[in-house]
Every structure is written in C-alpha cells, then in structure tokens.
Amino acid sequence: MEYLFILMGGGIGALLRYLSNNFINSSFKINFPLGTFFVNCIGALLIGFFINIFDRYNINIKYKLFTITGFLGGYTTFSAYSLETVQYLSSGNIKQALLNILLNNIACILFVFIGIGINKIIFK
C-alpha cells in the first residue's frame, strides 16, 4: 500500500514539474534553464517546510511517503539532495556536506557527458 502513495505522489509531482517548467520557460524567454532552477528552488523550499512538519508531529508515514518521496521525488530530486546537505550542515558535519555538494554536482555532470558518449557509441 505504501508503494501506491509514492506512485500517486510521484505522478503528480512529475506532471507539476513538467507544467511549471514549460510555463516558466515560455514566460521568460532567456538563454538559461529558468524553469529547472525554479522547480529546484521550490522543491527545496517545500522539502524543508514539510520535513519539519513530519519530524515534529506524529503523522502517518503514508503521507510522508506521498509528499516527500513521491511528490517531491517526482517534482525534483534536487530537493532530497538539498535536504541531505542541510542535515549534514546542521549536525556540524561540514566535510560530509562539502563532499555531498562536490560529488553530486561534479559526478552528475560527468555522468551526463558519459551517457551522451555511450549514446553516440551505440547509436552512431
């Protein structure tokens, strides 16, 4: 049953990401992925807001799975990365926070290049 809550939240989050991204990018015609930036910022704001509620109150886990794992996971995984970094910083674990920032940013950009390279090899 928990999977159903994640699935429903993820579908709604992914659809909202698509709609938000298209709306922002069509509203502001600039040479920058403003829609993605907007979605990442809003996702980070929402995960910070909701995680505090779920941590403070004894709310059924299915709502946390729907909201955090499903909806925000579908909306943007950047919110999870941001939360994990803040948790490291809040606990005073600066080295882990910096490592998380560096590895996620550098490795993910590198993996995009690797994925493009693999695609070009397979689909010449």
PDB file of N, CA and C in Angstrom:
ATOM      1  N   MET A   1       0.823  -1.203   0.000  1.00  0.00           N
ATOM      2  CA  MET A   1       0.000   0.000   0.000  1.00  0.00           C
ATOM      3  C   MET A   1       0.862   1.260   0.000  1.00  0.00           C
ATOM      4  N   GLU A   2       2.015   1.194   0.676  1.00  0.00           N
ATOM      5  CA  GLU A   2       2.896   2.358   0.716  1.00  0.00           C
ATOM      6  C   GLU A   2       3.375   2.734  -0.680  1.00  0.00           C
ATOM      7  N   TYR A   3       3.593   1.726  -1.516  1.00  0.00           N
ATOM      8  CA  TYR A   3       4.054   1.984  -2.885  1.00  0.00           C
ATOM      9  C   TYR A   3       3.042   2.805  -3.669  1.00  0.00           C
ATOM     10  N   LEU A   4       1.780   2.591  -3.384  1.00  0.00           N
ATOM     11  CA  LEU A   4       0.723   3.318  -4.076  1.00  0.00           C
ATOM     12  C   LEU A   4       0.783   4.814  -3.758  1.00  0.00           C
ATOM     13  N   PHE A   5       1.080   5.149  -2.509  1.00  0.00           N
ATOM     14  CA  PHE A   5       1.196   6.556  -2.120  1.00  0.00           C
ATOM     15  C   PHE A   5       2.397   7.207  -2.801  1.00  0.00           C
ATOM     16  N   ILE A   6       3.503   6.478  -2.903  1.00  0.00           N
ATOM     17  CA  ILE A   6       4.687   7.002  -3.592  1.00  0.00           C
ATOM     18  C   ILE A   6       4.375   7.188  -5.072  1.00  0.00           C
ATOM     19  N   LEU A   7       3.724   6.219  -5.665  1.00  0.00           N
ATOM     20  CA  LEU A   7       3.362   6.276  -7.085  1.00  0.00           C
ATOM     21  C   LEU A   7       2.439   7.452  -7.391  1.00  0.00           C
ATOM     22  N   MET A   8       1.415   7.632  -6.574  1.00  0.00           N
ATOM     23  CA  MET A   8       0.480   8.743  -6.794  1.00  0.00           C
ATOM     24  C   MET A   8       1.186  10.092  -6.622  1.00  0.00           C
ATOM     25  N   GLY A   9       1.946  10.239  -5.559  1.00  0.00           N
ATOM     26  CA  GLY A   9       2.661  11.489  -5.327  1.00  0.00           C
ATOM     27  C   GLY A   9       3.671  11.770  -6.426  1.00  0.00           C
ATOM     28  N   GLY A  10       4.386  10.726  -6.850  1.00  0.00           N
ATOM     29  CA  GLY A  10       5.398  10.889  -7.903  1.00  0.00           C
ATOM     30  C   GLY A  10       4.785  11.318  -9.221  1.00  0.00           C
ATOM     31  N   GLY A  11       3.644  10.740  -9.564  1.00  0.00           N
ATOM     32  CA  GLY A  11       2.963  11.126 -10.806  1.00  0.00           C
ATOM     33  C   GLY A  11       2.521  12.573 -10.781  1.00  0.00           C
ATOM     34  N   ILE A  12       1.952  12.988  -9.673  1.00  0.00           N
ATOM     35  CA  ILE A  12       1.505  14.379  -9.538  1.00  0.00           C
ATOM     36  C   ILE A  12       2.706  15.324  -9.573  1.00  0.00           C
ATOM     37  N   GLY A  13       3.780  14.957  -8.867  1.00  0.00           N
ATOM     38  CA  GLY A  13       4.983  15.797  -8.851  1.00  0.00           C
ATOM     39  C   GLY A  13       5.619  15.933 -10.216  1.00  0.00           C
ATOM     40  N   ALA A  14       5.699  14.818 -10.943  1.00  0.00           N
ATOM     41  CA  ALA A  14       6.299  14.852 -12.285  1.00  0.00           C
ATOM     42  C   ALA A  14       5.466  15.711 -13.235  1.00  0.00           C
ATOM     43  N   LEU A  15       4.155  15.578 -13.160  1.00  0.00           N
ATOM     44  CA  LEU A  15       3.282  16.393 -14.007  1.00  0.00           C
ATOM     45  C   LEU A  15       3.421  17.875 -13.655  1.00  0.00           C
ATOM     46  N   LEU A  16       3.462  18.191 -12.384  1.00  0.00           N
ATOM     47  CA  LEU A  16       3.610  19.586 -11.967  1.00  0.00           C
ATOM     48  C   LEU A  16       4.969  20.154 -12.378  1.00  0.00           C
ATOM     49  N   ARG A  17       6.010  19.310 -12.314  1.00  0.00           N
ATOM     50  CA  ARG A  17       7.334  19.756 -12.782  1.00  0.00           C
ATOM     51  C   ARG A  17       7.271  20.108 -14.256  1.00  0.00           C
ATOM     52  N   TYR A  18       6.658  19.252 -15.048  1.00  0.00           N
ATOM     53  CA  TYR A  18       6.539  19.478 -16.485  1.00  0.00           C
ATOM     54  C   TYR A  18       5.774  20.774 -16.768  1.00  0.00           C
ATOM     55  N   LEU A  19       4.641  20.941 -16.118  1.00  0.00           N
ATOM     56  CA  LEU A  19       3.821  22.137 -16.334  1.00  0.00           C
ATOM     57  C   LEU A  19       4.533  23.402 -15.871  1.00  0.00           C
ATOM     58  N   SER A  20       5.160  23.346 -14.690  1.00  0.00           N
ATOM     59  CA  SER A  20       5.885  24.508 -14.153  1.00  0.00           C
ATOM     60  C   SER A  20       7.043  24.898 -15.052  1.00  0.00           C
ATOM     61  N   ASN A  21       7.804  23.888 -15.453  1.00  0.00           N
ATOM     62  CA  ASN A  21       8.964  24.129 -16.304  1.00  0.00           C
ATOM     63  C   ASN A  21       8.551  24.779 -17.620  1.00  0.00           C
ATOM     64  N   ASN A  22       7.525  24.252 -18.252  1.00  0.00           N
ATOM     65  CA  ASN A  22       7.054  24.817 -19.516  1.00  0.00           C
ATOM     66  C   ASN A  22       6.519  26.232 -19.336  1.00  0.00           C
ATOM     67  N   PHE A  23       5.759  26.460 -18.276  1.00  0.00           N
ATOM     68  CA  PHE A  23       5.193  27.786 -18.030  1.00  0.00           C
ATOM     69  C   PHE A  23       6.292  28.824 -17.809  1.00  0.00           C
ATOM     70  N   ILE A  24       7.244  28.505 -16.960  1.00  0.00           N
ATOM     71  CA  ILE A  24       8.327  29.456 -16.662  1.00  0.00           C
ATOM     72  C   ILE A  24       9.157  29.719 -17.912  1.00  0.00           C
ATOM     73  N   ASN A  25       9.553  28.673 -18.606  1.00  0.00           N
ATOM     74  CA  ASN A  25      10.401  28.853 -19.794  1.00  0.00           C
ATOM     75  C   ASN A  25       9.691  29.595 -20.915  1.00  0.00           C
ATOM     76  N   SER A  26       8.377  29.414 -21.041  1.00  0.00           N
ATOM     77  CA  SER A  26       7.660  30.147 -22.089  1.00  0.00           C
ATOM     78  C   SER A  26       7.361  31.584 -21.658  1.00  0.00           C
ATOM     79  N   SER A  27       7.314  31.838 -20.366  1.00  0.00           N
ATOM     80  CA  SER A  27       7.049  33.189 -19.861  1.00  0.00           C
ATOM     81  C   SER A  27       8.285  34.073 -19.891  1.00  0.00           C
ATOM     82  N   PHE A  28       9.450  33.469 -19.672  1.00  0.00           N
ATOM     83  CA  PHE A  28      10.707  34.211 -19.632  1.00  0.00           C
ATOM     84  C   PHE A  28      11.629  33.621 -20.683  1.00  0.00           C
ATOM     85  N   LYS A  29      11.662  34.229 -21.814  1.00  0.00           N
ATOM     86  CA  LYS A  29      12.446  33.706 -22.928  1.00  0.00           C
ATOM     87  C   LYS A  29      13.884  34.210 -22.826  1.00  0.00           C
ATOM     88  N   ILE A  30      14.665  33.508 -21.989  1.00  0.00           N
ATOM     89  CA  ILE A  30      16.084  33.837 -21.822  1.00  0.00           C
ATOM     90  C   ILE A  30      16.896  32.569 -22.060  1.00  0.00           C
ATOM     91  N   ASN A  31      18.177  32.736 -22.279  1.00  0.00           N
ATOM     92  CA  ASN A  31      19.067  31.615 -22.553  1.00  0.00           C
ATOM     93  C   ASN A  31      19.593  31.038 -21.236  1.00  0.00           C
ATOM     94  N   PHE A  32      18.679  30.504 -20.427  1.00  0.00           N
ATOM     95  CA  PHE A  32      19.019  29.888 -19.146  1.00  0.00           C
ATOM     96  C   PHE A  32      17.857  28.981 -18.764  1.00  0.00           C
ATOM     97  N   PRO A  33      18.142  27.804 -18.207  1.00  0.00           N
ATOM     98  CA  PRO A  33      17.048  26.890 -17.827  1.00  0.00           C
ATOM     99  C   PRO A  33      16.331  27.373 -16.559  1.00  0.00           C
ATOM    100  N   LEU A  34      15.649  28.489 -16.690  1.00  0.00           N
ATOM    101  CA  LEU A  34      14.985  29.121 -15.552  1.00  0.00           C
ATOM    102  C   LEU A  34      13.893  28.226 -14.966  1.00  0.00           C
ATOM    103  N   GLY A  35      13.213  27.460 -15.797  1.00  0.00           N
ATOM    104  CA  GLY A  35      12.179  26.551 -15.311  1.00  0.00           C
ATOM    105  C   GLY A  35      12.748  25.504 -14.369  1.00  0.00           C
ATOM    106  N   THR A  36      13.878  24.917 -14.748  1.00  0.00           N
ATOM    107  CA  THR A  36      14.538  23.928 -13.896  1.00  0.00           C
ATOM    108  C   THR A  36      15.009  24.569 -12.600  1.00  0.00           C
ATOM    109  N   PHE A  37      15.585  25.734 -12.687  1.00  0.00           N
ATOM    110  CA  PHE A  37      16.040  26.457 -11.497  1.00  0.00           C
ATOM    111  C   PHE A  37      14.869  26.737 -10.563  1.00  0.00           C
ATOM    112  N   PHE A  38      13.764  27.182 -11.126  1.00  0.00           N
ATOM    113  CA  PHE A  38      12.558  27.462 -10.340  1.00  0.00           C
ATOM    114  C   PHE A  38      12.069  26.194  -9.635  1.00  0.00           C
ATOM    115  N   VAL A  39      11.949  25.109 -10.386  1.00  0.00           N
ATOM    116  CA  VAL A  39      11.465  23.848  -9.827  1.00  0.00           C
ATOM    117  C   VAL A  39      12.394  23.377  -8.707  1.00  0.00           C
ATOM    118  N   ASN A  40      13.696  23.455  -8.915  1.00  0.00           N
ATOM    119  CA  ASN A  40      14.641  23.036  -7.879  1.00  0.00           C
ATOM    120  C   ASN A  40      14.513  23.885  -6.624  1.00  0.00           C
ATOM    121  N   CYS A  41      14.368  25.179  -6.777  1.00  0.00           N
ATOM    122  CA  CYS A  41      14.235  26.068  -5.615  1.00  0.00           C
ATOM    123  C   CYS A  41      12.924  25.810  -4.870  1.00  0.00           C
ATOM    124  N   ILE A  42      11.834  25.690  -5.605  1.00  0.00           N
ATOM    125  CA  ILE A  42      10.536  25.433  -4.966  1.00  0.00           C
ATOM    126  C   ILE A  42      10.549  24.064  -4.288  1.00  0.00           C
ATOM    127  N   GLY A  43      11.127  23.074  -4.938  1.00  0.00           N
ATOM    128  CA  GLY A  43      11.236  21.742  -4.333  1.00  0.00           C
ATOM    129  C   GLY A  43      12.037  21.764  -3.050  1.00  0.00           C
ATOM    130  N   ALA A  44      13.149  22.511  -3.036  1.00  0.00           N
ATOM    131  CA  ALA A  44      13.957  22.632  -1.826  1.00  0.00           C
ATOM    132  C   ALA A  44      13.177  23.342  -0.722  1.00  0.00           C
ATOM    133  N   LEU A  45      12.441  24.391  -1.089  1.00  0.00           N
ATOM    134  CA  LEU A  45      11.608  25.103  -0.117  1.00  0.00           C
ATOM    135  C   LEU A  45      10.556  24.169   0.475  1.00  0.00           C
ATOM    136  N   LEU A  46       9.881  23.408  -0.375  1.00  0.00           N
ATOM    137  CA  LEU A  46       8.812  22.518   0.083  1.00  0.00           C
ATOM    138  C   LEU A  46       9.341  21.380   0.947  1.00  0.00           C
ATOM    139  N   ILE A  47      10.492  20.805   0.582  1.00  0.00           N
ATOM    140  CA  ILE A  47      11.011  19.702   1.398  1.00  0.00           C
ATOM    141  C   ILE A  47      11.440  20.204   2.770  1.00  0.00           C
ATOM    142  N   GLY A  48      11.996  21.411   2.818  1.00  0.00           N
ATOM    143  CA  GLY A  48      12.347  21.991   4.114  1.00  0.00           C
ATOM    144  C   GLY A  48      11.119  22.237   4.966  1.00  0.00           C
ATOM    145  N   PHE A  49      10.062  22.722   4.345  1.00  0.00           N
ATOM    146  CA  PHE A  49       8.821  23.005   5.056  1.00  0.00           C
ATOM    147  C   PHE A  49       8.168  21.719   5.558  1.00  0.00           C
ATOM    148  N   PHE A  50       8.023  20.738   4.665  1.00  0.00           N
ATOM    149  CA  PHE A  50       7.294  19.520   5.023  1.00  0.00           C
ATOM    150  C   PHE A  50       8.074  18.596   5.952  1.00  0.00           C
ATOM    151  N   ILE A  51       9.392  18.509   5.788  1.00  0.00           N
ATOM    152  CA  ILE A  51      10.160  17.593   6.640  1.00  0.00           C
ATOM    153  C   ILE A  51      10.054  18.023   8.094  1.00  0.00           C
ATOM    154  N   ASN A  52       9.980  19.314   8.326  1.00  0.00           N
ATOM    155  CA  ASN A  52       9.828  19.823   9.688  1.00  0.00           C
ATOM    156  C   ASN A  52       8.477  19.405  10.272  1.00  0.00           C
ATOM    157  N   ILE A  53       7.448  19.447   9.476  1.00  0.00           N
ATOM    158  CA  ILE A  53       6.120  19.020   9.940  1.00  0.00           C
ATOM    159  C   ILE A  53       6.128  17.527  10.269  1.00  0.00           C
ATOM    160  N   PHE A  54       6.670  16.710   9.369  1.00  0.00           N
ATOM    161  CA  PHE A  54       6.676  15.263   9.589  1.00  0.00           C
ATOM    162  C   PHE A  54       7.568  14.873  10.765  1.00  0.00           C
ATOM    163  N   ASP A  55       8.664  15.598  10.979  1.00  0.00           N
ATOM    164  CA  ASP A  55       9.544  15.306  12.104  1.00  0.00           C
ATOM    165  C   ASP A  55       8.943  15.760  13.436  1.00  0.00           C
ATOM    166  N   ARG A  56       8.177  16.815  13.421  1.00  0.00           N
ATOM    167  CA  ARG A  56       7.624  17.391  14.647  1.00  0.00           C
ATOM    168  C   ARG A  56       6.369  16.672  15.132  1.00  0.00           C
ATOM    169  N   TYR A  57       5.514  16.267  14.214  1.00  0.00           N
ATOM    170  CA  TYR A  57       4.226  15.679  14.578  1.00  0.00           C
ATOM    171  C   TYR A  57       4.200  14.200  14.200  1.00  0.00           C
ATOM    172  N   ASN A  58       3.410  13.454  14.871  1.00  0.00           N
ATOM    173  CA  ASN A  58       3.289  12.028  14.617  1.00  0.00           C
ATOM    174  C   ASN A  58       2.279  11.798  13.491  1.00  0.00           C
ATOM    175  N   ILE A  59       2.706  12.079  12.258  1.00  0.00           N
ATOM    176  CA  ILE A  59       1.839  11.955  11.091  1.00  0.00           C
ATOM    177  C   ILE A  59       2.097  10.599  10.441  1.00  0.00           C
ATOM    178  N   ASN A  60       1.047   9.968   9.990  1.00  0.00           N
ATOM    179  CA  ASN A  60       1.132   8.658   9.363  1.00  0.00           C
ATOM    180  C   ASN A  60       2.183   8.664   8.248  1.00  0.00           C
ATOM    181  N   ILE A  61       3.005   7.618   8.212  1.00  0.00           N
ATOM    182  CA  ILE A  61       4.103   7.515   7.252  1.00  0.00           C
ATOM    183  C   ILE A  61       3.627   7.592   5.799  1.00  0.00           C
ATOM    184  N   LYS A  62       2.393   7.182   5.529  1.00  0.00           N
ATOM    185  CA  LYS A  62       1.918   7.201   4.142  1.00  0.00           C
ATOM    186  C   LYS A  62       1.861   8.625   3.591  1.00  0.00           C
ATOM    187  N   TYR A  63       1.617   9.611   4.451  1.00  0.00           N
ATOM    188  CA  TYR A  63       1.583  11.000   3.994  1.00  0.00           C
ATOM    189  C   TYR A  63       2.995  11.528   3.728  1.00  0.00           C
ATOM    190  N   LYS A  64       3.938  11.065   4.535  1.00  0.00           N
ATOM    191  CA  LYS A  64       5.333  11.437   4.290  1.00  0.00           C
ATOM    192  C   LYS A  64       5.822  10.803   2.983  1.00  0.00           C
ATOM    193  N   LEU A  65       5.479   9.540   2.773  1.00  0.00           N
ATOM    194  CA  LEU A  65       5.873   8.868   1.533  1.00  0.00           C
ATOM    195  C   LEU A  65       5.243   9.542   0.316  1.00  0.00           C
ATOM    196  N   PHE A  66       3.964   9.917   0.428  1.00  0.00           N
ATOM    197  CA  PHE A  66       3.290  10.605  -0.668  1.00  0.00           C
ATOM    198  C   PHE A  66       3.969  11.941  -0.957  1.00  0.00           C
ATOM    199  N   THR A  67       4.231  12.718   0.084  1.00  0.00           N
ATOM    200  CA  THR A  67       4.728  14.087  -0.077  1.00  0.00           C
ATOM    201  C   THR A  67       6.222  14.153  -0.381  1.00  0.00           C
ATOM    202  N   ILE A  68       7.036  13.551   0.485  1.00  0.00           N
ATOM    203  CA  ILE A  68       8.498  13.679   0.358  1.00  0.00           C
ATOM    204  C   ILE A  68       9.037  12.756  -0.739  1.00  0.00           C
ATOM    205  N   THR A  69       8.778  11.466  -0.598  1.00  0.00           N
ATOM    206  CA  THR A  69       9.333  10.504  -1.552  1.00  0.00           C
ATOM    207  C   THR A  69       8.634  10.581  -2.904  1.00  0.00           C
ATOM    208  N   GLY A  70       7.311  10.621  -2.884  1.00  0.00           N
ATOM    209  CA  GLY A  70       6.547  10.630  -4.130  1.00  0.00           C
ATOM    210  C   GLY A  70       6.497  11.979  -4.810  1.00  0.00           C
ATOM    211  N   PHE A  71       5.726  12.901  -4.229  1.00  0.00           N
ATOM    212  CA  PHE A  71       5.507  14.198  -4.873  1.00  0.00           C
ATOM    213  C   PHE A  71       6.811  14.956  -5.116  1.00  0.00           C
ATOM    214  N   LEU A  72       7.589  15.163  -4.069  1.00  0.00           N
ATOM    215  CA  LEU A  72       8.821  15.941  -4.253  1.00  0.00           C
ATOM    216  C   LEU A  72       9.879  15.149  -5.016  1.00  0.00           C
ATOM    217  N   GLY A  73       9.857  13.817  -4.892  1.00  0.00           N
ATOM    218  CA  GLY A  73      10.760  12.998  -5.697  1.00  0.00           C
ATOM    219  C   GLY A  73      10.429  13.097  -7.181  1.00  0.00           C
ATOM    220  N   GLY A  74       9.137  13.171  -7.491  1.00  0.00           N
ATOM    221  CA  GLY A  74       8.717  13.357  -8.878  1.00  0.00           C
ATOM    222  C   GLY A  74       8.914  14.781  -9.349  1.00  0.00           C
ATOM    223  N   TYR A  75       8.737  15.711  -8.440  1.00  0.00           N
ATOM    224  CA  TYR A  75       8.874  17.131  -8.781  1.00  0.00           C
ATOM    225  C   TYR A  75      10.342  17.480  -9.002  1.00  0.00           C
ATOM    226  N   THR A  76      11.200  17.070  -8.081  1.00  0.00           N
ATOM    227  CA  THR A  76      12.634  17.299  -8.222  1.00  0.00           C
ATOM    228  C   THR A  76      13.406  16.517  -7.187  1.00  0.00           C
ATOM    229  N   THR A  77      14.375  15.725  -7.618  1.00  0.00           N
ATOM    230  CA  THR A  77      15.224  15.039  -6.644  1.00  0.00           C
ATOM    231  C   THR A  77      16.246  15.998  -6.050  1.00  0.00           C
ATOM    232  N   PHE A  78      16.365  17.154  -6.633  1.00  0.00           N
ATOM    233  CA  PHE A  78      17.273  18.164  -6.093  1.00  0.00           C
ATOM    234  C   PHE A  78      16.879  18.540  -4.671  1.00  0.00           C
ATOM    235  N   SER A  79      15.584  18.443  -4.361  1.00  0.00           N
ATOM    236  CA  SER A  79      15.132  18.767  -3.012  1.00  0.00           C
ATOM    237  C   SER A  79      15.704  17.779  -1.998  1.00  0.00           C
ATOM    238  N   ALA A  80      15.777  16.495  -2.335  1.00  0.00           N
ATOM    239  CA  ALA A  80      16.347  15.496  -1.432  1.00  0.00           C
ATOM    240  C   ALA A  80      17.837  15.761  -1.228  1.00  0.00           C
ATOM    241  N   TYR A  81      18.534  16.042  -2.293  1.00  0.00           N
ATOM    242  CA  TYR A  81      19.959  16.381  -2.217  1.00  0.00           C
ATOM    243  C   TYR A  81      20.180  17.610  -1.333  1.00  0.00           C
ATOM    244  N   SER A  82      19.334  18.603  -1.493  1.00  0.00           N
ATOM    245  CA  SER A  82      19.446  19.819  -0.685  1.00  0.00           C
ATOM    246  C   SER A  82      19.189  19.535   0.786  1.00  0.00           C
ATOM    247  N   LEU A  83      18.172  18.737   1.072  1.00  0.00           N
ATOM    248  CA  LEU A  83      17.859  18.383   2.456  1.00  0.00           C
ATOM    249  C   LEU A  83      19.006  17.620   3.093  1.00  0.00           C
ATOM    250  N   GLU A  84      19.560  16.656   2.396  1.00  0.00           N
ATOM    251  CA  GLU A  84      20.669  15.878   2.941  1.00  0.00           C
ATOM    252  C   GLU A  84      21.871  16.773   3.238  1.00  0.00           C
ATOM    253  N   THR A  85      22.143  17.720   2.365  1.00  0.00           N
ATOM    254  CA  THR A  85      23.242  18.657   2.585  1.00  0.00           C
ATOM    255  C   THR A  85      22.980  19.514   3.819  1.00  0.00           C
ATOM    256  N   VAL A  86      21.756  20.023   3.965  1.00  0.00           N
ATOM    257  CA  VAL A  86      21.388  20.826   5.136  1.00  0.00           C
ATOM    258  C   VAL A  86      21.494  19.998   6.414  1.00  0.00           C
ATOM    259  N   GLN A  87      21.095  18.740   6.357  1.00  0.00           N
ATOM    260  CA  GLN A  87      21.198  17.883   7.540  1.00  0.00           C
ATOM    261  C   GLN A  87      22.649  17.697   7.957  1.00  0.00           C
ATOM    262  N   TYR A  88      23.545  17.523   6.991  1.00  0.00           N
ATOM    263  CA  TYR A  88      24.971  17.452   7.310  1.00  0.00           C
ATOM    264  C   TYR A  88      25.447  18.756   7.947  1.00  0.00           C
ATOM    265  N   LEU A  89      25.077  19.876   7.352  1.00  0.00           N
ATOM    266  CA  LEU A  89      25.498  21.173   7.878  1.00  0.00           C
ATOM    267  C   LEU A  89      24.925  21.415   9.272  1.00  0.00           C
ATOM    268  N   SER A  90      23.673  21.077   9.478  1.00  0.00           N
ATOM    269  CA  SER A  90      23.019  21.284  10.774  1.00  0.00           C
ATOM    270  C   SER A  90      23.643  20.442  11.882  1.00  0.00           C
ATOM    271  N   SER A  91      24.136  19.273  11.514  1.00  0.00           N
ATOM    272  CA  SER A  91      24.767  18.405  12.511  1.00  0.00           C
ATOM    273  C   SER A  91      26.252  18.729  12.677  1.00  0.00           C
ATOM    274  N   GLY A  92      26.724  19.763  11.975  1.00  0.00           N
ATOM    275  CA  GLY A  92      28.123  20.177  12.091  1.00  0.00           C
ATOM    276  C   GLY A  92      29.081  19.359  11.256  1.00  0.00           C
ATOM    277  N   ASN A  93      28.553  18.523  10.396  1.00  0.00           N
ATOM    278  CA  ASN A  93      29.389  17.670   9.566  1.00  0.00           C
ATOM    279  C   ASN A  93      29.700  18.372   8.242  1.00  0.00           C
ATOM    280  N   ILE A  94      30.550  19.377   8.338  1.00  0.00           N
ATOM    281  CA  ILE A  94      30.884  20.241   7.190  1.00  0.00           C
ATOM    282  C   ILE A  94      31.568  19.444   6.075  1.00  0.00           C
ATOM    283  N   LYS A  95      32.468  18.538   6.451  1.00  0.00           N
ATOM    284  CA  LYS A  95      33.173  17.751   5.425  1.00  0.00           C
ATOM    285  C   LYS A  95      32.204  16.917   4.592  1.00  0.00           C
ATOM    286  N   GLN A  96      31.238  16.259   5.257  1.00  0.00           N
ATOM    287  CA  GLN A  96      30.262  15.462   4.528  1.00  0.00           C
ATOM    288  C   GLN A  96      29.393  16.339   3.638  1.00  0.00           C
ATOM    289  N   ALA A  97      29.026  17.525   4.134  1.00  0.00           N
ATOM    290  CA  ALA A  97      28.213  18.449   3.343  1.00  0.00           C
ATOM    291  C   ALA A  97      28.961  18.865   2.079  1.00  0.00           C
ATOM    292  N   LEU A  98      30.217  19.252   2.246  1.00  0.00           N
ATOM    293  CA  LEU A  98      31.014  19.664   1.085  1.00  0.00           C
ATOM    294  C   LEU A  98      31.240  18.510   0.117  1.00  0.00           C
ATOM    295  N   LEU A  99      31.486  17.332   0.671  1.00  0.00           N
ATOM    296  CA  LEU A  99      31.659  16.162  -0.178  1.00  0.00           C
ATOM    297  C   LEU A  99      30.376  15.870  -0.949  1.00  0.00           C
ATOM    298  N   ASN A 100      29.236  15.978  -0.285  1.00  0.00           N
ATOM    299  CA  ASN A 100      27.949  15.761  -0.937  1.00  0.00           C
ATOM    300  C   ASN A 100      27.740  16.764  -2.069  1.00  0.00           C
ATOM    301  N   ILE A 101      28.049  18.017  -1.814  1.00  0.00           N
ATOM    302  CA  ILE A 101      27.904  19.065  -2.838  1.00  0.00           C
ATOM    303  C   ILE A 101      28.820  18.787  -4.024  1.00  0.00           C
ATOM    304  N   LEU A 102      30.085  18.550  -3.742  1.00  0.00           N
ATOM    305  CA  LEU A 102      31.047  18.333  -4.819  1.00  0.00           C
ATOM    306  C   LEU A 102      30.740  17.077  -5.626  1.00  0.00           C
ATOM    307  N   LEU A 103      30.499  15.970  -4.918  1.00  0.00           N
ATOM    308  CA  LEU A 103      30.256  14.717  -5.634  1.00  0.00           C
ATOM    309  C   LEU A 103      28.983  14.770  -6.461  1.00  0.00           C
ATOM    310  N   ASN A 104      27.913  15.278  -5.891  1.00  0.00           N
ATOM    311  CA  ASN A 104      26.652  15.333  -6.638  1.00  0.00           C
ATOM    312  C   ASN A 104      26.763  16.226  -7.858  1.00  0.00           C
ATOM    313  N   ASN A 105      27.348  17.386  -7.700  1.00  0.00           N
ATOM    314  CA  ASN A 105      27.430  18.307  -8.831  1.00  0.00           C
ATOM    315  C   ASN A 105      28.420  17.839  -9.888  1.00  0.00           C
ATOM    316  N   ILE A 106      29.618  17.513  -9.481  1.00  0.00           N
ATOM    317  CA  ILE A 106      30.642  17.121 -10.455  1.00  0.00           C
ATOM    318  C   ILE A 106      30.316  15.764 -11.071  1.00  0.00           C
ATOM    319  N   ALA A 107      29.976  14.785 -10.233  1.00  0.00           N
ATOM    320  CA  ALA A 107      29.714  13.439 -10.755  1.00  0.00           C
ATOM    321  C   ALA A 107      28.499  13.425 -11.675  1.00  0.00           C
ATOM    322  N   CYS A 108      27.441  14.115 -11.301  1.00  0.00           N
ATOM    323  CA  CYS A 108      26.236  14.086 -12.137  1.00  0.00           C
ATOM    324  C   CYS A 108      26.456  14.765 -13.481  1.00  0.00           C
ATOM    325  N   ILE A 109      27.185  15.852 -13.499  1.00  0.00           N
ATOM    326  CA  ILE A 109      27.511  16.492 -14.777  1.00  0.00           C
ATOM    327  C   ILE A 109      28.390  15.559 -15.605  1.00  0.00           C
ATOM    328  N   LEU A 110      29.359  14.922 -14.955  1.00  0.00           N
ATOM    329  CA  LEU A 110      30.216  13.968 -15.649  1.00  0.00           C
ATOM    330  C   LEU A 110      29.401  12.800 -16.208  1.00  0.00           C
ATOM    331  N   PHE A 111      28.455  12.302 -15.421  1.00  0.00           N
ATOM    332  CA  PHE A 111      27.636  11.180 -15.876  1.00  0.00           C
ATOM    333  C   PHE A 111      26.729  11.560 -17.038  1.00  0.00           C
ATOM    334  N   VAL A 112      26.306  12.801 -17.100  1.00  0.00           N
ATOM    335  CA  VAL A 112      25.546  13.247 -18.276  1.00  0.00           C
ATOM    336  C   VAL A 112      26.427  13.146 -19.515  1.00  0.00           C
ATOM    337  N   PHE A 113      27.673  13.612 -19.415  1.00  0.00           N
ATOM    338  CA  PHE A 113      28.604  13.503 -20.544  1.00  0.00           C
ATOM    339  C   PHE A 113      28.847  12.044 -20.913  1.00  0.00           C
ATOM    340  N   ILE A 114      29.007  11.185 -19.918  1.00  0.00           N
ATOM    341  CA  ILE A 114      29.232   9.759 -20.171  1.00  0.00           C
ATOM    342  C   ILE A 114      28.008   9.152 -20.863  1.00  0.00           C
ATOM    343  N   GLY A 115      26.814   9.488 -20.381  1.00  0.00           N
ATOM    344  CA  GLY A 115      25.589   8.997 -21.010  1.00  0.00           C
ATOM    345  C   GLY A 115      25.470   9.419 -22.460  1.00  0.00           C
ATOM    346  N   ILE A 116      25.824  10.666 -22.736  1.00  0.00           N
ATOM    347  CA  ILE A 116      25.809  11.161 -24.122  1.00  0.00           C
ATOM    348  C   ILE A 116      26.818  10.387 -24.956  1.00  0.00           C
ATOM    349  N   GLY A 117      28.001  10.156 -24.385  1.00  0.00           N
ATOM    350  CA  GLY A 117      29.033   9.406 -25.097  1.00  0.00           C
ATOM    351  C   GLY A 117      28.611   7.979 -25.403  1.00  0.00           C
ATOM    352  N   ILE A 118      28.011   7.312 -24.427  1.00  0.00           N
ATOM    353  CA  ILE A 118      27.523   5.942 -24.636  1.00  0.00           C
ATOM    354  C   ILE A 118      26.456   5.930 -25.724  1.00  0.00           C
ATOM    355  N   ASN A 119      25.569   6.914 -25.670  1.00  0.00           N
ATOM    356  CA  ASN A 119      24.508   7.001 -26.688  1.00  0.00           C
ATOM    357  C   ASN A 119      25.120   7.153 -28.078  1.00  0.00           C
ATOM    358  N   LYS A 120      26.128   7.995 -28.188  1.00  0.00           N
ATOM    359  CA  LYS A 120      26.751   8.218 -29.503  1.00  0.00           C
ATOM    360  C   LYS A 120      27.454   6.974 -30.006  1.00  0.00           C
ATOM    361  N   ILE A 121      28.009   6.175 -29.099  1.00  0.00           N
ATOM    362  CA  ILE A 121      28.666   4.923 -29.494  1.00  0.00           C
ATOM    363  C   ILE A 121      27.631   3.908 -29.975  1.00  0.00           C
ATOM    364  N   ILE A 122      26.542   3.796 -29.240  1.00  0.00           N
ATOM    365  CA  ILE A 122      25.512   2.796 -29.565  1.00  0.00           C
ATOM    366  C   ILE A 122      24.728   3.195 -30.822  1.00  0.00           C
ATOM    367  N   PHE A 123      24.378   4.475 -30.920  1.00  0.00           N
ATOM    368  CA  PHE A 123      23.507   4.928 -31.995  1.00  0.00           C
ATOM    369  C   PHE A 123      24.243   5.821 -33.000  1.00  0.00           C
ATOM    370  N   LYS A 124      25.366   5.362 -33.481  1.00  0.00           N
ATOM    371  CA  LYS A 124      26.170   6.144 -34.420  1.00  0.00           C
ATOM    372  C   LYS A 124      25.374   6.700 -35.498  1.00  0.00           C
TER     373      LYS A 124
END
